[in-house]
Amino acid sequence: MTWYALQYKPAQGDRALQHLQNQEVACFYPKIEVEKIRAGKRTRKLEPLFPGYLFVNLEQTDPMWSKLRSTRGVARIVGFANKPAAIADEVIEHIKISLDKVAEQGGIKPGQPVELDEGPFKGISAIFQAYDGEERAIVLITFMQKQQQVKVPVSVIRR
């Protein structure tokens, strides 16, 4: 069996996935948790890693090919010269492994050691405390033999 990419209709990835799974097609629809700021609040949301695409695992001779394009949510089969473009198993496996690593890391958690990349505290090790609004974070640094809370831009923090 080989992996192939399907393009789904706008905002219908979950629908296409469900209908393919109902037809017992092996699917892979990689999603990643992203952090967005909406109305001044941080929210976490699952979004497709490849917006507009999902992957199916089929044999070339599978009768399911004729049903793919008429499956709800599916726009087309990705291919070249009227032939579906095969994707190597190693590529899909690499994506799965990478998703697992990202899920393990997640965002910066309170108590996690970080380093500051810019500004007056550049190169100083700190301990992440919390996010403060949209683009700032509170970290603890050791300064003059005492721990101090400092607010810094999120963009200068590195794990």
Protein backbone atom coordinates (compact mmCIF):
# COMPACT_ATOMS: atom_id res chain seq x y z
CA MET A 1 0.00 0.00 0.00
CA THR A 2 1.15 3.50 -0.79
CA TRP A 3 0.28 6.95 0.56
CA TYR A 4 -1.37 9.59 -1.62
CA ALA A 5 -2.46 13.18 -0.94
CA LEU A 6 -6.05 14.37 -1.29
CA GLN A 7 -7.07 17.99 -1.43
CA TYR A 8 -10.21 18.70 0.55
CA LYS A 9 -12.75 21.45 0.02
CA PRO A 10 -12.26 24.66 2.05
CA ALA A 11 -12.94 24.12 5.78
CA GLN A 12 -14.04 20.51 5.19
CA GLY A 13 -10.97 18.53 6.29
CA ASP A 14 -12.70 16.90 9.26
CA ARG A 15 -15.75 16.10 7.15
CA ALA A 16 -13.62 14.49 4.41
CA LEU A 17 -11.69 12.50 7.02
CA GLN A 18 -14.86 11.19 8.64
CA HIS A 19 -16.42 10.13 5.33
CA LEU A 20 -13.20 8.41 4.22
CA GLN A 21 -12.96 6.56 7.52
CA ASN A 22 -16.63 5.51 7.18
CA GLN A 23 -15.59 3.89 3.90
CA GLU A 24 -12.72 2.14 5.76
CA VAL A 25 -9.94 4.02 3.98
CA ALA A 26 -6.70 4.34 5.99
CA CYS A 27 -6.18 8.10 6.49
CA PHE A 28 -3.62 10.42 8.03
CA TYR A 29 -4.71 14.00 8.79
CA PRO A 30 -1.86 15.59 10.75
CA LYS A 31 -2.85 18.40 13.09
CA ILE A 32 -0.74 20.52 15.39
CA GLU A 33 -1.70 22.56 18.44
CA VAL A 34 -1.11 26.26 17.86
CA GLU A 35 -1.41 29.15 20.25
CA LYS A 36 -3.29 32.17 18.97
CA ILE A 37 -4.17 35.49 20.50
CA ARG A 38 -7.77 36.55 19.97
CA ALA A 39 -9.30 39.57 21.64
CA GLY A 40 -6.26 39.81 23.90
CA LYS A 41 -6.57 36.22 25.17
CA ARG A 42 -4.31 33.28 24.46
CA THR A 43 -6.10 30.25 23.10
CA ARG A 44 -4.82 26.85 21.98
CA LYS A 45 -6.35 25.27 18.93
CA LEU A 46 -5.69 22.21 16.75
CA GLU A 47 -5.03 23.15 13.14
CA PRO A 48 -4.05 21.06 10.11
CA LEU A 49 -0.30 20.79 9.56
CA PHE A 50 -0.93 20.91 5.79
CA PRO A 51 -4.03 23.10 5.33
CA GLY A 52 -6.12 21.78 2.48
CA TYR A 53 -4.60 18.29 2.37
CA LEU A 54 -4.90 14.88 4.00
CA PHE A 55 -3.31 11.55 3.15
CA VAL A 56 -4.81 8.16 2.26
CA ASN A 57 -3.14 4.75 2.11
CA LEU A 58 -4.39 2.63 -0.81
CA GLU A 59 -3.31 -0.02 -3.31
CA GLN A 60 -3.23 1.03 -6.99
CA THR A 61 -5.82 -1.67 -7.74
CA ASP A 62 -8.20 -0.79 -4.90
CA PRO A 63 -11.77 -0.22 -6.17
CA MET A 64 -12.02 2.67 -3.68
CA TRP A 65 -10.22 4.96 -6.17
CA SER A 66 -13.42 5.49 -8.14
CA LYS A 67 -15.24 6.63 -4.98
CA LEU A 68 -12.60 9.06 -3.66
CA ARG A 69 -13.50 12.08 -5.77
CA SER A 70 -17.20 11.79 -4.94
CA THR A 71 -16.57 11.47 -1.19
CA ARG A 72 -18.06 14.40 0.74
CA GLY A 73 -15.43 17.02 1.53
CA VAL A 74 -12.86 15.75 -1.01
CA ALA A 75 -12.01 18.16 -3.84
CA ARG A 76 -9.46 16.15 -5.82
CA ILE A 77 -6.66 13.61 -5.80
CA VAL A 78 -3.24 15.27 -5.98
CA GLY A 79 -1.39 14.00 -9.01
CA PHE A 80 0.66 14.75 -12.09
CA ALA A 81 -0.11 13.82 -15.71
CA ASN A 82 -3.48 12.35 -14.63
CA LYS A 83 -1.78 9.91 -12.22
CA PRO A 84 -1.96 10.11 -8.42
CA ALA A 85 1.34 11.26 -6.91
CA ALA A 86 2.68 8.60 -4.52
CA ILE A 87 4.26 9.66 -1.23
CA ALA A 88 7.00 7.49 0.27
CA ASP A 89 6.19 5.70 3.55
CA GLU A 90 9.36 7.24 5.04
CA VAL A 91 7.99 10.75 4.50
CA ILE A 92 4.72 9.97 6.30
CA GLU A 93 6.62 8.20 9.09
CA HIS A 94 8.93 11.21 9.48
CA ILE A 95 5.90 13.54 9.77
CA LYS A 96 4.36 11.27 12.45
CA ILE A 97 7.61 11.20 14.46
CA SER A 98 7.98 14.99 14.16
CA LEU A 99 4.40 15.52 15.37
CA ASP A 100 5.12 13.34 18.42
CA LYS A 101 8.21 15.43 19.24
CA VAL A 102 6.27 18.70 18.91
CA ALA A 103 3.48 17.35 21.13
CA GLU A 104 6.05 16.41 23.80
CA GLN A 105 7.62 19.88 23.78
CA GLY A 106 4.40 21.90 23.73
CA GLY A 107 4.65 25.51 24.85
CA ILE A 108 6.86 26.95 27.56
CA LYS A 109 5.61 25.83 30.94
CA PRO A 110 5.96 27.60 34.32
CA GLY A 111 9.20 26.66 36.06
CA GLN A 112 10.97 25.79 32.78
CA PRO A 113 14.49 27.21 32.35
CA VAL A 114 14.85 29.67 29.45
CA GLU A 115 17.48 32.04 28.10
CA LEU A 116 16.96 35.64 27.03
CA ASP A 117 18.25 36.46 23.52
CA GLU A 118 17.98 40.26 23.34
CA GLY A 119 17.81 43.41 25.38
CA PRO A 120 19.59 44.33 28.62
CA PHE A 121 19.32 40.74 29.94
CA LYS A 122 20.78 39.11 26.81
CA GLY A 123 22.49 35.79 27.59
CA ILE A 124 21.06 35.56 31.10
CA SER A 125 19.40 32.34 32.16
CA ALA A 126 15.93 32.72 33.61
CA ILE A 127 12.97 30.67 34.79
CA PHE A 128 9.70 31.12 32.95
CA GLN A 129 6.79 32.11 35.24
CA ALA A 130 3.78 33.05 33.10
CA TYR A 131 2.54 34.89 30.04
CA ASP A 132 1.53 38.49 30.64
CA GLY A 133 -0.90 39.66 28.00
CA GLU A 134 -0.40 39.25 24.30
CA GLU A 135 3.33 39.60 23.73
CA ARG A 136 5.04 39.65 27.11
CA ALA A 137 6.12 37.06 29.63
CA ILE A 138 7.17 37.14 33.27
CA VAL A 139 10.48 35.43 34.03
CA LEU A 140 12.64 35.11 37.14
CA ILE A 141 16.27 36.14 36.82
CA THR A 142 18.97 36.07 39.46
CA PHE A 143 20.34 39.59 39.79
CA MET A 144 22.61 40.80 42.58
CA GLN A 145 22.21 37.49 44.45
CA LYS A 146 18.45 37.84 44.50
CA GLN A 147 15.67 36.50 42.25
CA GLN A 148 13.79 39.26 40.45
CA GLN A 149 10.61 39.06 38.38
CA VAL A 150 11.05 40.74 35.02
CA LYS A 151 8.60 41.29 32.15
CA VAL A 152 10.13 40.64 28.74
CA PRO A 153 8.82 40.27 25.17
CA VAL A 154 7.95 36.64 24.35
CA SER A 155 10.09 36.94 21.19
CA VAL A 156 13.34 37.17 23.21
CA ILE A 157 12.77 33.93 25.13
CA ARG A 158 14.58 30.77 24.00
CA ARG A 159 14.34 27.34 25.59
